[in-house]
N, C-alpha and C. Protein backbone atom coordinates (compact mmCIF):
# COMPACT_ATOMS: atom_id res chain seq x y z
N MET A 1 -68.72 -37.38 76.91
CA MET A 1 -67.87 -36.98 77.86
C MET A 1 -66.57 -37.50 77.65
N HIS A 2 -65.42 -36.66 77.89
CA HIS A 2 -64.18 -36.99 77.61
C HIS A 2 -63.35 -37.45 78.74
N ILE A 3 -62.81 -38.57 78.86
CA ILE A 3 -62.09 -38.94 80.04
C ILE A 3 -60.58 -39.12 79.72
N SER A 4 -59.62 -38.52 80.44
CA SER A 4 -58.43 -38.49 79.83
C SER A 4 -57.80 -39.72 80.37
N LYS A 5 -56.63 -40.37 79.61
CA LYS A 5 -55.84 -41.44 79.92
C LYS A 5 -55.48 -41.78 81.34
N PRO A 6 -54.95 -40.68 82.10
CA PRO A 6 -54.59 -41.21 83.53
C PRO A 6 -55.80 -41.61 84.32
N LEU A 7 -56.98 -41.06 83.91
CA LEU A 7 -58.18 -41.57 84.76
C LEU A 7 -58.76 -42.84 84.10
N LYS A 8 -58.71 -42.99 82.90
CA LYS A 8 -59.24 -44.18 82.26
C LYS A 8 -58.64 -45.22 82.87
N VAL A 9 -57.36 -45.31 83.23
CA VAL A 9 -56.67 -46.57 83.63
C VAL A 9 -57.06 -46.82 85.13
N LEU A 10 -57.82 -45.87 85.61
CA LEU A 10 -58.07 -46.29 87.21
C LEU A 10 -59.57 -46.78 87.24
N LEU A 11 -60.35 -46.84 86.01
CA LEU A 11 -61.74 -47.02 85.86
C LEU A 11 -61.85 -48.73 85.33
N PRO A 12 -62.04 -49.59 86.31
CA PRO A 12 -62.32 -51.08 85.84
C PRO A 12 -63.32 -51.17 84.68
N GLY A 13 -62.93 -51.81 83.67
CA GLY A 13 -64.06 -51.92 82.60
C GLY A 13 -64.19 -50.92 81.55
N TYR A 14 -63.59 -49.79 81.73
CA TYR A 14 -63.80 -48.56 81.01
C TYR A 14 -63.03 -48.88 79.59
N SER A 15 -61.99 -49.56 79.48
CA SER A 15 -61.45 -49.66 78.10
C SER A 15 -62.34 -50.47 77.25
N GLU A 16 -62.77 -51.56 77.69
CA GLU A 16 -63.88 -52.27 76.88
C GLU A 16 -65.03 -51.51 76.45
N ILE A 17 -65.71 -50.73 77.23
CA ILE A 17 -66.68 -50.13 77.00
C ILE A 17 -66.17 -49.05 75.75
N GLU A 18 -65.29 -48.31 76.09
CA GLU A 18 -64.66 -47.47 75.03
C GLU A 18 -64.59 -48.16 73.66
N LYS A 19 -63.94 -49.16 73.73
CA LYS A 19 -63.55 -49.96 72.37
C LYS A 19 -64.88 -50.14 71.70
N ARG A 20 -65.89 -50.59 72.47
CA ARG A 20 -67.24 -50.99 71.69
C ARG A 20 -67.85 -49.86 71.15
N ILE A 21 -67.71 -48.56 71.89
CA ILE A 21 -68.27 -47.45 71.47
C ILE A 21 -67.54 -46.92 70.01
N GLU A 22 -66.35 -46.89 70.05
CA GLU A 22 -65.30 -46.66 68.91
C GLU A 22 -65.65 -47.54 67.75
N ARG A 23 -65.85 -48.80 67.99
CA ARG A 23 -66.08 -49.61 66.84
C ARG A 23 -67.29 -49.01 66.13
N VAL A 24 -68.31 -48.81 66.93
CA VAL A 24 -69.79 -48.22 66.21
C VAL A 24 -69.25 -46.97 65.47
N ILE A 25 -68.84 -46.02 66.19
CA ILE A 25 -68.44 -44.66 65.61
C ILE A 25 -67.51 -44.71 64.34
N PHE A 26 -66.59 -45.50 64.28
CA PHE A 26 -65.59 -45.71 63.45
C PHE A 26 -66.21 -46.30 62.27
N GLU A 27 -67.00 -47.39 62.43
CA GLU A 27 -67.73 -48.11 61.46
C GLU A 27 -68.70 -46.97 60.70
N ARG A 28 -69.51 -46.24 61.37
CA ARG A 28 -70.46 -45.41 60.92
C ARG A 28 -69.79 -44.30 60.00
N TYR A 29 -68.62 -43.76 60.35
CA TYR A 29 -68.05 -42.61 59.71
C TYR A 29 -66.74 -43.02 58.88
N GLY A 30 -66.68 -44.37 58.73
CA GLY A 30 -65.44 -44.95 57.75
C GLY A 30 -64.15 -44.34 58.44
N VAL A 31 -63.93 -44.61 59.64
CA VAL A 31 -62.69 -44.27 60.40
C VAL A 31 -61.92 -45.62 60.59
N PRO A 32 -60.64 -45.59 60.11
CA PRO A 32 -59.90 -46.95 60.18
C PRO A 32 -59.68 -47.45 61.71
N ASN A 33 -60.02 -48.57 61.92
CA ASN A 33 -59.81 -49.37 63.29
C ASN A 33 -59.07 -50.53 63.13
N PRO A 34 -57.88 -50.47 63.75
CA PRO A 34 -57.28 -49.52 64.76
C PRO A 34 -56.95 -48.32 63.91
N LEU A 35 -56.69 -47.23 64.82
CA LEU A 35 -56.34 -45.84 64.24
C LEU A 35 -54.77 -45.98 63.90
N PRO A 36 -54.46 -45.27 62.85
CA PRO A 36 -53.06 -45.42 62.44
C PRO A 36 -52.07 -44.96 63.68
N PRO A 37 -50.88 -45.34 63.71
CA PRO A 37 -49.87 -45.13 64.82
C PRO A 37 -49.60 -43.61 64.81
N SER A 38 -49.74 -42.86 63.90
CA SER A 38 -49.52 -41.23 63.66
C SER A 38 -50.59 -40.65 64.54
N ILE A 39 -52.02 -41.19 64.55
CA ILE A 39 -52.88 -40.69 65.24
C ILE A 39 -52.73 -40.78 66.72
N LYS A 40 -52.41 -42.10 67.14
CA LYS A 40 -52.03 -42.44 68.47
C LYS A 40 -51.00 -41.62 69.01
N GLU A 41 -49.99 -41.34 68.25
CA GLU A 41 -48.89 -40.56 68.68
C GLU A 41 -49.42 -38.88 68.95
N LEU A 42 -50.27 -38.51 67.94
CA LEU A 42 -50.79 -37.24 67.97
C LEU A 42 -51.70 -36.84 69.37
N ASP A 43 -52.41 -38.21 69.55
CA ASP A 43 -53.31 -38.12 70.77
C ASP A 43 -52.47 -37.96 71.96
N ILE A 44 -51.44 -38.83 72.22
CA ILE A 44 -50.39 -38.64 73.33
C ILE A 44 -49.84 -37.37 73.43
N ARG A 45 -49.59 -36.70 72.52
CA ARG A 45 -48.86 -35.32 72.26
C ARG A 45 -49.87 -34.32 72.92
N MET A 46 -51.11 -34.53 72.32
CA MET A 46 -52.27 -33.66 72.94
C MET A 46 -52.60 -33.67 74.31
N LEU A 47 -52.68 -34.80 74.81
CA LEU A 47 -52.40 -35.25 76.27
C LEU A 47 -51.43 -34.42 77.09
N ALA A 48 -50.18 -34.56 76.53
CA ALA A 48 -49.00 -33.90 77.12
C ALA A 48 -49.28 -32.29 77.06
N THR A 49 -49.84 -31.82 76.08
CA THR A 49 -50.26 -30.30 75.77
C THR A 49 -51.19 -29.93 76.83
N GLU A 50 -52.27 -30.76 77.05
CA GLU A 50 -53.26 -30.42 77.80
C GLU A 50 -52.72 -30.29 79.37
N GLN A 51 -51.92 -31.35 79.65
CA GLN A 51 -51.16 -31.40 80.86
C GLN A 51 -50.42 -30.24 81.21
N ARG A 52 -49.82 -29.70 80.42
CA ARG A 52 -48.85 -28.67 80.52
C ARG A 52 -49.48 -27.32 80.71
N ARG A 53 -50.50 -27.15 79.40
CA ARG A 53 -51.07 -25.97 79.32
C ARG A 53 -52.37 -25.43 80.11
N LEU A 54 -53.05 -26.66 80.37
CA LEU A 54 -54.29 -26.53 81.01
C LEU A 54 -54.11 -26.72 82.65
N MET A 55 -53.46 -27.87 82.79
CA MET A 55 -53.47 -28.25 84.31
C MET A 55 -52.10 -27.80 85.12
N ARG A 56 -51.14 -27.14 84.31
CA ARG A 56 -50.11 -26.66 84.87
C ARG A 56 -49.39 -27.87 85.70
N ASN A 57 -49.56 -29.01 85.32
CA ASN A 57 -49.13 -30.08 86.00
C ASN A 57 -47.66 -30.60 85.21
N ARG A 58 -46.89 -30.57 86.20
CA ARG A 58 -45.45 -31.03 85.72
C ARG A 58 -45.22 -32.39 86.32
N ASP A 59 -45.99 -33.29 86.63
CA ASP A 59 -45.86 -34.69 86.90
C ASP A 59 -45.34 -35.30 85.74
N ASN A 60 -44.56 -36.50 85.89
CA ASN A 60 -43.99 -37.14 84.77
C ASN A 60 -45.11 -38.29 84.65
N TRP A 61 -46.25 -37.98 83.72
CA TRP A 61 -47.19 -38.86 83.50
C TRP A 61 -46.46 -39.88 82.68
N GLU A 62 -46.77 -41.16 83.00
CA GLU A 62 -46.36 -42.25 82.15
C GLU A 62 -46.77 -42.21 80.77
N HIS A 63 -47.93 -41.82 80.70
CA HIS A 63 -48.77 -41.88 79.17
C HIS A 63 -47.95 -40.84 78.20
N CYS A 64 -47.43 -39.86 78.96
CA CYS A 64 -46.74 -38.71 78.18
C CYS A 64 -45.21 -38.74 78.03
N HIS A 65 -44.69 -39.81 78.70
CA HIS A 65 -43.26 -39.81 78.99
C HIS A 65 -42.49 -39.59 77.55
N GLY A 66 -41.71 -38.68 77.52
CA GLY A 66 -40.75 -38.48 76.22
C GLY A 66 -41.52 -37.76 75.17
N ARG A 67 -42.80 -37.17 75.62
CA ARG A 67 -43.39 -36.51 74.42
C ARG A 67 -43.42 -35.04 74.69
N GLU A 68 -43.21 -34.15 73.65
CA GLU A 68 -43.02 -32.79 73.67
C GLU A 68 -44.67 -32.28 73.62
N PRO A 69 -45.23 -31.34 74.32
CA PRO A 69 -46.47 -30.57 74.10
C PRO A 69 -46.38 -29.99 72.82
N LEU A 70 -47.59 -29.83 72.10
CA LEU A 70 -47.67 -29.28 70.76
C LEU A 70 -47.52 -27.69 71.00
N PRO A 71 -46.95 -27.00 70.03
CA PRO A 71 -46.79 -25.50 70.40
C PRO A 71 -47.97 -24.70 69.74
N ILE A 72 -49.00 -25.00 70.61
CA ILE A 72 -50.33 -24.51 70.26
C ILE A 72 -51.09 -23.70 71.49
N HIS A 73 -51.96 -22.94 71.30
CA HIS A 73 -52.68 -22.20 72.28
C HIS A 73 -53.96 -22.96 72.46
N LEU A 74 -54.42 -23.40 73.68
CA LEU A 74 -55.88 -24.15 73.95
C LEU A 74 -56.72 -23.00 74.54
N ASN A 75 -58.01 -23.06 73.72
CA ASN A 75 -58.99 -22.24 74.49
C ASN A 75 -59.92 -23.03 75.28
N CYS A 76 -60.37 -22.56 76.38
CA CYS A 76 -61.01 -23.10 77.29
C CYS A 76 -62.43 -22.46 77.18
N TRP A 77 -63.33 -23.53 77.01
CA TRP A 77 -64.93 -22.96 76.86
C TRP A 77 -65.66 -23.45 77.98
N SER A 78 -66.98 -22.85 78.11
CA SER A 78 -67.79 -23.42 79.03
C SER A 78 -68.37 -24.61 78.42
N PRO A 79 -69.15 -25.47 79.25
CA PRO A 79 -69.60 -26.82 78.60
C PRO A 79 -70.77 -26.27 77.36
N ASP A 80 -71.54 -25.34 77.51
CA ASP A 80 -72.51 -24.77 76.60
C ASP A 80 -71.76 -24.45 75.28
N VAL A 81 -70.74 -23.73 75.48
CA VAL A 81 -69.87 -23.20 74.28
C VAL A 81 -69.20 -24.28 73.56
N ALA A 82 -68.71 -25.26 74.39
CA ALA A 82 -68.16 -26.57 73.90
C ALA A 82 -69.13 -27.11 73.04
N LYS A 83 -70.19 -27.41 73.46
CA LYS A 83 -71.28 -28.25 72.73
C LYS A 83 -71.64 -27.57 71.68
N ALA A 84 -71.81 -26.26 71.51
CA ALA A 84 -72.21 -25.56 70.53
C ALA A 84 -71.17 -25.57 69.42
N ARG A 85 -70.09 -25.40 69.81
CA ARG A 85 -68.81 -25.39 68.77
C ARG A 85 -68.75 -26.86 68.24
N PHE A 86 -68.84 -27.77 68.85
CA PHE A 86 -68.74 -29.11 68.53
C PHE A 86 -69.86 -29.38 67.37
N LEU A 87 -71.22 -29.22 67.77
CA LEU A 87 -72.18 -29.43 66.94
C LEU A 87 -71.96 -28.53 65.55
N GLU A 88 -71.62 -27.40 65.57
CA GLU A 88 -71.43 -26.59 64.70
C GLU A 88 -70.42 -27.20 63.55
N ARG A 89 -69.30 -27.73 64.04
CA ARG A 89 -68.23 -28.38 63.45
C ARG A 89 -68.68 -29.63 62.80
N PHE A 90 -69.55 -30.47 63.64
CA PHE A 90 -70.21 -31.71 63.10
C PHE A 90 -70.89 -31.42 61.98
N TRP A 91 -71.75 -30.63 61.94
CA TRP A 91 -72.75 -30.25 60.74
C TRP A 91 -72.00 -29.76 59.58
N GLU A 92 -71.02 -28.88 59.95
CA GLU A 92 -70.04 -28.50 58.73
C GLU A 92 -69.32 -29.52 57.96
N ILE A 93 -68.90 -30.59 58.81
CA ILE A 93 -68.47 -31.86 58.10
C ILE A 93 -69.44 -32.83 57.52
N GLN A 94 -70.42 -32.79 58.11
CA GLN A 94 -71.48 -33.75 57.49
C GLN A 94 -72.24 -33.04 56.32
N GLY A 95 -72.12 -31.69 56.33
CA GLY A 95 -72.90 -31.15 55.00
C GLY A 95 -74.18 -30.93 55.33
């Protein structure tokens, strides 16, 4: 389950749980920890994109301040389709 940054900051203890899970996943798949600053920046811009394109939210979210949304179209899938697409891509990457 994905939890967006604005909600994460409202959940006590979530950050520590997320860090523990990330450590295990990053180690298993050889992802650098911590992530490079360019990845974090892209993540923030993606949040700004989701805010603008999906939520039609024009609030000045602190987490997105000064970041332009990416010039992309976002597809919205049902949970079943999203799961299937995720697993297809996972197995494609894993070989």
